[in-house]
Structure formats: structure tokens, C-alpha cells
Amino acid sequence: MTAEELKRMSEMDFADIGMDEIAAFGETAGLKEKTPEKVLRHFKEKGYNPYFRKEHADGGCVVKISFANNGVRMADAVAAMLTGG
């Protein structure tokens, strides 16, 4: 994904996204061992927005993920967010 795509996705609201564009928390558990680039590729191939997660594959609670300005490197925050760690 390009920086522009990630910026656009990060600016989306709950009303802008479909449930088929959101990965379930359980779907990302196996991605912890992958590089951030490979994880982003996985999200792009699946058509998922990396800034949203849903409780389970059928839906449930949906959350939007954002980052605080707390000194954590962006690459580390993105990697942790994408893999649920």
C-alpha cells in the first residue's frame, strides 16, 4: 500500500466502510511473524482496511485503530497494530 492509500484509509469513518473491508481480530493473529510490508500486502490482497477490526468474521463489535504521539516509531506502531501485538 502506498502512503496515500494508508492516509485515505486512516481518515475513513465507520459510515464509510463495509464489513467486508474489515479483518476479524482472529484473522490477524498468524501475521505476527511477518514483516510490516508482508502484512500490508496481505491486507491489500484481502481488500481490508488496516485501521479497522471486527470482533469475529460475522461482524460484532467494530473498532477503529489510531496512534498516539507518544514517541513510538510509526513503523513499530503499524507492525503492532497489523498483527494485533
Protein backbone atom coordinates (compact mmCIF):
# COMPACT_ATOMS: atom_id res chain seq x y z
CA MET A 1 0.00 0.00 0.00
CA THR A 2 1.16 3.50 -0.72
CA ALA A 3 1.36 6.24 1.89
CA GLU A 4 -1.57 7.94 0.15
CA GLU A 5 -3.70 4.78 0.39
CA LEU A 6 -2.87 4.39 4.08
CA LYS A 7 -3.68 8.05 4.76
CA ARG A 8 -7.04 7.74 2.97
CA MET A 9 -7.86 4.55 4.89
CA SER A 10 -6.89 6.12 8.22
CA GLU A 11 -9.27 9.02 7.56
CA MET A 12 -12.27 6.75 6.93
CA ASP A 13 -15.14 6.70 9.39
CA PHE A 14 -17.42 3.84 10.43
CA ALA A 15 -20.03 5.08 7.95
CA ASP A 16 -17.51 4.88 5.09
CA ILE A 17 -16.50 1.23 5.40
CA GLY A 18 -18.22 -2.06 4.65
CA MET A 19 -17.97 -5.12 6.88
CA ASP A 20 -16.25 -7.00 4.03
CA GLU A 21 -13.41 -4.45 4.22
CA ILE A 22 -12.65 -5.23 7.89
CA ALA A 23 -10.49 -8.11 9.14
CA ALA A 24 -11.61 -10.03 12.21
CA PHE A 25 -9.21 -9.98 15.16
CA GLY A 26 -8.59 -13.73 14.78
CA GLU A 27 -7.58 -13.33 11.14
CA THR A 28 -4.54 -11.25 12.04
CA ALA A 29 -3.10 -13.46 14.79
CA GLY A 30 -0.98 -15.50 12.36
CA LEU A 31 0.67 -12.40 10.91
CA LYS A 32 2.92 -11.59 13.90
CA GLU A 33 5.93 -13.31 12.37
CA LYS A 34 5.68 -11.40 9.09
CA THR A 35 7.31 -8.10 8.17
CA PRO A 36 5.10 -4.98 8.09
CA GLU A 37 5.40 -4.96 4.31
CA LYS A 38 4.10 -8.53 4.02
CA VAL A 39 1.28 -7.80 6.44
CA LEU A 40 0.24 -4.73 4.43
CA ARG A 41 0.37 -6.83 1.25
CA HIS A 42 -1.91 -9.39 2.93
CA PHE A 43 -4.40 -6.67 3.89
CA LYS A 44 -4.34 -5.21 0.37
CA GLU A 45 -4.85 -8.64 -1.25
CA LYS A 46 -7.84 -9.30 1.03
CA GLY A 47 -9.26 -5.80 0.46
CA TYR A 48 -9.07 -4.97 4.19
CA ASN A 49 -8.58 -1.57 5.75
CA PRO A 50 -5.75 -1.99 8.29
CA TYR A 51 -7.21 0.66 10.60
CA PHE A 52 -10.37 -1.29 11.44
CA ARG A 53 -11.01 -4.65 13.13
CA LYS A 54 -14.18 -6.56 13.89
CA GLU A 55 -14.91 -8.95 16.72
CA HIS A 56 -15.42 -12.03 14.55
CA ALA A 57 -15.85 -12.97 10.88
CA ASP A 58 -19.64 -12.46 11.01
CA GLY A 59 -19.30 -8.94 12.42
CA GLY A 60 -19.92 -7.99 16.00
CA CYS A 61 -18.17 -5.03 17.56
CA VAL A 62 -16.06 -2.94 15.17
CA VAL A 63 -13.14 -0.82 16.36
CA LYS A 64 -11.04 1.80 14.63
CA ILE A 65 -7.33 1.87 15.41
CA SER A 66 -5.36 5.11 15.70
CA PHE A 67 -1.98 6.13 17.09
CA ALA A 68 -0.91 8.43 19.90
CA ASN A 69 2.01 10.82 19.63
CA ASN A 70 3.97 9.01 22.35
CA GLY A 71 7.45 8.53 20.94
CA VAL A 72 6.79 5.06 19.48
CA ARG A 73 8.15 4.80 15.95
CA MET A 74 5.43 4.74 13.28
CA ALA A 75 6.80 1.51 11.75
CA ASP A 76 6.66 -0.23 15.14
CA ALA A 77 3.14 1.04 15.84
CA VAL A 78 1.90 -0.09 12.40
CA ALA A 79 3.52 -3.51 12.79
CA ALA A 80 1.97 -3.98 16.22
CA MET A 81 -1.43 -2.81 15.01
CA LEU A 82 -1.45 -5.05 11.97
CA THR A 83 -0.55 -8.16 13.90
CA GLY A 84 -2.59 -7.47 16.99
CA GLY A 85 0.53 -7.28 19.14
